Amino acid sequence: MPTIHNADAKLSFIRNYSYLQDEHKIAFHTILQVDDHIRENTVKLLPIRHEELIEALAEVGFHMIKTYGGFMKQPFDAQKSVPCVILVKK
């Protein structure tokens, strides 16, 4: 993912992902730098495909499931969209 820079706030947010094959997890490593302060963190994420998530949501009772390619409700393309935003009702 591209680094987020905000010159006015003197802020940088660096995000990197790596696949941990032996654990079937994704390591999401972040570095937040504000002025001279740096915070680093790594969180293990469960990789799940769009189709798997939609199926799981339906199985537990969610309906009116809508998928977007961003928070501005851009059309979702499973092959091209980087963000996947899902709106559901229960």
N, C-alpha and C. Protein backbone atom coordinates (compact mmCIF):
# COMPACT_ATOMS: atom_id res chain seq x y z
N MET A 1 0.85 -1.17 0.00
CA MET A 1 0.00 0.00 0.00
C MET A 1 0.90 1.23 0.00
N PRO A 2 0.46 2.29 -0.65
CA PRO A 2 1.28 3.49 -0.67
C PRO A 2 1.34 4.16 0.70
N THR A 3 2.45 4.80 0.96
CA THR A 3 2.62 5.55 2.21
C THR A 3 1.72 6.78 2.19
N ILE A 4 1.11 7.05 3.33
CA ILE A 4 0.28 8.25 3.48
C ILE A 4 1.15 9.34 4.10
N HIS A 5 1.23 10.48 3.43
CA HIS A 5 2.00 11.62 3.95
C HIS A 5 1.06 12.79 4.16
N ASN A 6 1.26 13.50 5.26
CA ASN A 6 0.54 14.74 5.51
C ASN A 6 1.58 15.75 5.99
N ALA A 7 2.04 16.60 5.08
CA ALA A 7 3.11 17.55 5.41
C ALA A 7 2.68 18.54 6.49
N ASP A 8 1.41 18.97 6.46
CA ASP A 8 0.93 19.93 7.45
C ASP A 8 1.00 19.36 8.86
N ALA A 9 0.67 18.09 9.01
CA ALA A 9 0.69 17.44 10.33
C ALA A 9 2.04 16.80 10.62
N LYS A 10 2.98 16.88 9.66
CA LYS A 10 4.29 16.23 9.78
C LYS A 10 4.12 14.76 10.13
N LEU A 11 3.28 14.09 9.32
CA LEU A 11 2.89 12.71 9.58
C LEU A 11 3.17 11.84 8.37
N SER A 12 3.66 10.63 8.65
CA SER A 12 3.79 9.58 7.63
C SER A 12 3.24 8.29 8.21
N PHE A 13 2.49 7.56 7.38
CA PHE A 13 1.93 6.28 7.79
C PHE A 13 2.32 5.25 6.73
N ILE A 14 3.21 4.34 7.11
CA ILE A 14 3.74 3.33 6.20
C ILE A 14 3.07 2.00 6.52
N ARG A 15 2.57 1.31 5.48
CA ARG A 15 1.88 0.03 5.66
C ARG A 15 2.50 -1.01 4.74
N ASN A 16 2.83 -2.15 5.31
CA ASN A 16 3.38 -3.26 4.53
C ASN A 16 2.68 -4.55 4.92
N TYR A 17 2.53 -5.43 3.96
CA TYR A 17 1.92 -6.72 4.19
C TYR A 17 2.90 -7.81 3.77
N SER A 18 2.90 -8.93 4.48
CA SER A 18 3.65 -10.10 4.04
C SER A 18 2.85 -11.34 4.42
N TYR A 19 2.89 -12.32 3.52
CA TYR A 19 2.13 -13.54 3.74
C TYR A 19 2.96 -14.53 4.54
N LEU A 20 2.40 -15.03 5.63
CA LEU A 20 3.06 -16.02 6.48
C LEU A 20 2.49 -17.39 6.10
N GLN A 21 3.12 -18.03 5.16
CA GLN A 21 2.58 -19.25 4.58
C GLN A 21 2.38 -20.36 5.61
N ASP A 22 3.31 -20.52 6.54
CA ASP A 22 3.20 -21.59 7.53
C ASP A 22 2.02 -21.40 8.48
N GLU A 23 1.56 -20.15 8.65
CA GLU A 23 0.43 -19.85 9.54
C GLU A 23 -0.86 -19.54 8.77
N HIS A 24 -0.75 -19.41 7.45
CA HIS A 24 -1.86 -18.97 6.60
C HIS A 24 -2.45 -17.67 7.15
N LYS A 25 -1.57 -16.72 7.43
CA LYS A 25 -1.95 -15.40 7.93
C LYS A 25 -1.22 -14.33 7.12
N ILE A 26 -1.67 -13.11 7.26
CA ILE A 26 -1.00 -11.96 6.65
C ILE A 26 -0.49 -11.09 7.78
N ALA A 27 0.79 -10.78 7.74
CA ALA A 27 1.37 -9.86 8.72
C ALA A 27 1.21 -8.45 8.19
N PHE A 28 0.47 -7.64 8.92
CA PHE A 28 0.22 -6.23 8.55
C PHE A 28 1.11 -5.39 9.46
N HIS A 29 2.17 -4.84 8.88
CA HIS A 29 3.15 -4.08 9.65
C HIS A 29 2.97 -2.60 9.34
N THR A 30 2.85 -1.79 10.41
CA THR A 30 2.66 -0.35 10.23
C THR A 30 3.73 0.44 10.97
N ILE A 31 4.04 1.57 10.41
CA ILE A 31 4.94 2.54 11.05
C ILE A 31 4.25 3.90 10.95
N LEU A 32 4.00 4.50 12.10
CA LEU A 32 3.40 5.83 12.16
C LEU A 32 4.45 6.79 12.70
N GLN A 33 4.77 7.79 11.91
CA GLN A 33 5.75 8.78 12.32
C GLN A 33 5.09 10.15 12.35
N VAL A 34 5.11 10.77 13.53
CA VAL A 34 4.59 12.12 13.71
C VAL A 34 5.72 12.91 14.35
N ASP A 35 6.15 13.95 13.64
CA ASP A 35 7.34 14.70 14.07
C ASP A 35 8.49 13.72 14.26
N ASP A 36 9.07 13.67 15.46
CA ASP A 36 10.18 12.76 15.73
C ASP A 36 9.75 11.49 16.44
N HIS A 37 8.46 11.30 16.63
CA HIS A 37 7.93 10.12 17.33
C HIS A 37 7.57 9.04 16.32
N ILE A 38 7.99 7.81 16.60
CA ILE A 38 7.72 6.68 15.72
C ILE A 38 7.06 5.56 16.52
N ARG A 39 5.96 5.04 15.97
CA ARG A 39 5.27 3.88 16.58
C ARG A 39 5.18 2.79 15.52
N GLU A 40 5.60 1.59 15.89
CA GLU A 40 5.53 0.45 14.98
C GLU A 40 4.62 -0.60 15.57
N ASN A 41 3.93 -1.33 14.69
CA ASN A 41 3.04 -2.38 15.16
C ASN A 41 2.90 -3.42 14.05
N THR A 42 2.70 -4.67 14.45
CA THR A 42 2.40 -5.74 13.51
C THR A 42 1.22 -6.52 14.04
N VAL A 43 0.25 -6.76 13.16
CA VAL A 43 -0.95 -7.52 13.50
C VAL A 43 -1.10 -8.63 12.47
N LYS A 44 -1.44 -9.83 12.93
CA LYS A 44 -1.68 -10.93 12.01
C LYS A 44 -3.15 -10.93 11.61
N LEU A 45 -3.37 -10.96 10.29
CA LEU A 45 -4.72 -10.92 9.73
C LEU A 45 -5.06 -12.26 9.08
N LEU A 46 -6.33 -12.59 9.09
CA LEU A 46 -6.81 -13.80 8.43
C LEU A 46 -7.17 -13.45 7.00
N PRO A 47 -6.51 -14.05 6.03
CA PRO A 47 -6.87 -13.74 4.64
C PRO A 47 -8.19 -14.40 4.29
N ILE A 48 -9.11 -13.63 3.75
CA ILE A 48 -10.41 -14.15 3.35
C ILE A 48 -10.80 -13.47 2.04
N ARG A 49 -11.28 -14.27 1.13
CA ARG A 49 -11.69 -13.75 -0.18
C ARG A 49 -13.10 -13.16 -0.09
N HIS A 50 -13.36 -12.25 -1.00
CA HIS A 50 -14.65 -11.56 -1.04
C HIS A 50 -15.81 -12.56 -1.03
N GLU A 51 -15.74 -13.58 -1.87
CA GLU A 51 -16.83 -14.56 -1.97
C GLU A 51 -17.02 -15.29 -0.64
N GLU A 52 -15.93 -15.63 0.04
CA GLU A 52 -16.02 -16.33 1.33
C GLU A 52 -16.67 -15.45 2.38
N LEU A 53 -16.33 -14.17 2.38
CA LEU A 53 -16.89 -13.24 3.36
C LEU A 53 -18.39 -13.03 3.11
N ILE A 54 -18.78 -12.86 1.87
CA ILE A 54 -20.19 -12.67 1.53
C ILE A 54 -20.99 -13.90 1.97
N GLU A 55 -20.47 -15.09 1.68
CA GLU A 55 -21.15 -16.34 2.07
C GLU A 55 -21.28 -16.44 3.59
N ALA A 56 -20.22 -16.12 4.32
CA ALA A 56 -20.26 -16.19 5.79
C ALA A 56 -21.26 -15.19 6.36
N LEU A 57 -21.31 -13.99 5.80
CA LEU A 57 -22.27 -12.99 6.27
C LEU A 57 -23.71 -13.45 6.05
N ALA A 58 -23.98 -14.04 4.90
CA ALA A 58 -25.33 -14.54 4.60
C ALA A 58 -25.70 -15.70 5.54
N GLU A 59 -24.74 -16.57 5.81
CA GLU A 59 -25.00 -17.73 6.67
C GLU A 59 -25.38 -17.34 8.10
N VAL A 60 -24.87 -16.22 8.58
CA VAL A 60 -25.18 -15.80 9.95
C VAL A 60 -26.33 -14.79 10.02
N GLY A 61 -27.04 -14.63 8.90
CA GLY A 61 -28.26 -13.86 8.93
C GLY A 61 -28.22 -12.44 8.40
N PHE A 62 -27.11 -12.02 7.84
CA PHE A 62 -27.07 -10.69 7.24
C PHE A 62 -27.74 -10.74 5.87
N HIS A 63 -28.39 -9.65 5.49
CA HIS A 63 -29.02 -9.56 4.18
C HIS A 63 -28.75 -8.17 3.61
N MET A 64 -29.28 -7.90 2.44
CA MET A 64 -29.02 -6.63 1.76
C MET A 64 -27.52 -6.36 1.74
N ILE A 65 -26.77 -7.34 1.31
CA ILE A 65 -25.31 -7.25 1.28
C ILE A 65 -24.90 -6.51 0.01
N LYS A 66 -24.20 -5.40 0.20
CA LYS A 66 -23.72 -4.60 -0.93
C LYS A 66 -22.21 -4.42 -0.79
N THR A 67 -21.50 -4.61 -1.87
CA THR A 67 -20.04 -4.49 -1.87
C THR A 67 -19.63 -3.31 -2.73
N TYR A 68 -18.70 -2.51 -2.19
CA TYR A 68 -18.19 -1.33 -2.90
C TYR A 68 -16.67 -1.40 -2.98
N GLY A 69 -16.14 -0.66 -3.93
CA GLY A 69 -14.70 -0.59 -4.12
C GLY A 69 -14.06 0.57 -3.39
N GLY A 70 -14.73 1.12 -2.37
CA GLY A 70 -14.19 2.23 -1.58
C GLY A 70 -15.29 2.85 -0.74
N PHE A 71 -14.90 3.74 0.16
CA PHE A 71 -15.85 4.37 1.07
C PHE A 71 -16.77 5.38 0.38
N MET A 72 -16.44 5.75 -0.84
CA MET A 72 -17.31 6.64 -1.61
C MET A 72 -18.28 5.84 -2.48
N LYS A 73 -18.43 4.55 -2.18
CA LYS A 73 -19.34 3.62 -2.84
C LYS A 73 -19.04 3.44 -4.33
N GLN A 74 -17.73 3.41 -4.66
CA GLN A 74 -17.34 3.12 -6.03
C GLN A 74 -17.70 1.67 -6.34
N PRO A 75 -17.96 1.34 -7.60
CA PRO A 75 -18.25 -0.05 -7.96
C PRO A 75 -17.09 -0.97 -7.56
N PHE A 76 -17.44 -2.15 -7.08
CA PHE A 76 -16.43 -3.13 -6.67
C PHE A 76 -16.11 -4.05 -7.83
N ASP A 77 -14.82 -4.26 -8.08
CA ASP A 77 -14.34 -5.21 -9.08
C ASP A 77 -13.38 -6.14 -8.37
N ALA A 78 -13.75 -7.40 -8.23
CA ALA A 78 -12.95 -8.37 -7.47
C ALA A 78 -11.53 -8.49 -8.01
N GLN A 79 -11.33 -8.21 -9.28
CA GLN A 79 -9.99 -8.33 -9.87
C GLN A 79 -9.17 -7.04 -9.77
N LYS A 80 -9.83 -5.89 -9.59
CA LYS A 80 -9.11 -4.61 -9.65
C LYS A 80 -9.21 -3.77 -8.38
N SER A 81 -10.29 -3.89 -7.62
CA SER A 81 -10.49 -3.02 -6.46
C SER A 81 -9.53 -3.39 -5.34
N VAL A 82 -8.81 -2.40 -4.82
CA VAL A 82 -7.95 -2.65 -3.66
C VAL A 82 -8.80 -2.64 -2.39
N PRO A 83 -9.57 -1.58 -2.13
CA PRO A 83 -10.44 -1.64 -0.96
C PRO A 83 -11.68 -2.49 -1.26
N CYS A 84 -12.20 -3.11 -0.23
CA CYS A 84 -13.45 -3.85 -0.32
C CYS A 84 -14.28 -3.41 0.87
N VAL A 85 -15.32 -2.62 0.60
CA VAL A 85 -16.20 -2.10 1.65
C VAL A 85 -17.54 -2.81 1.51
N ILE A 86 -18.00 -3.43 2.59
CA ILE A 86 -19.24 -4.19 2.54
C ILE A 86 -20.26 -3.58 3.49
N LEU A 87 -21.44 -3.31 2.97
CA LEU A 87 -22.55 -2.76 3.75
C LEU A 87 -23.61 -3.84 3.87
N VAL A 88 -24.02 -4.15 5.11
CA VAL A 88 -25.01 -5.21 5.34
C VAL A 88 -26.04 -4.77 6.35
N LYS A 89 -27.18 -5.47 6.36
CA LYS A 89 -28.20 -5.27 7.39
C LYS A 89 -28.53 -6.63 7.97
N LYS A 90 -28.89 -6.63 9.24
CA LYS A 90 -29.27 -7.88 9.89
C LYS A 90 -30.70 -7.78 10.36
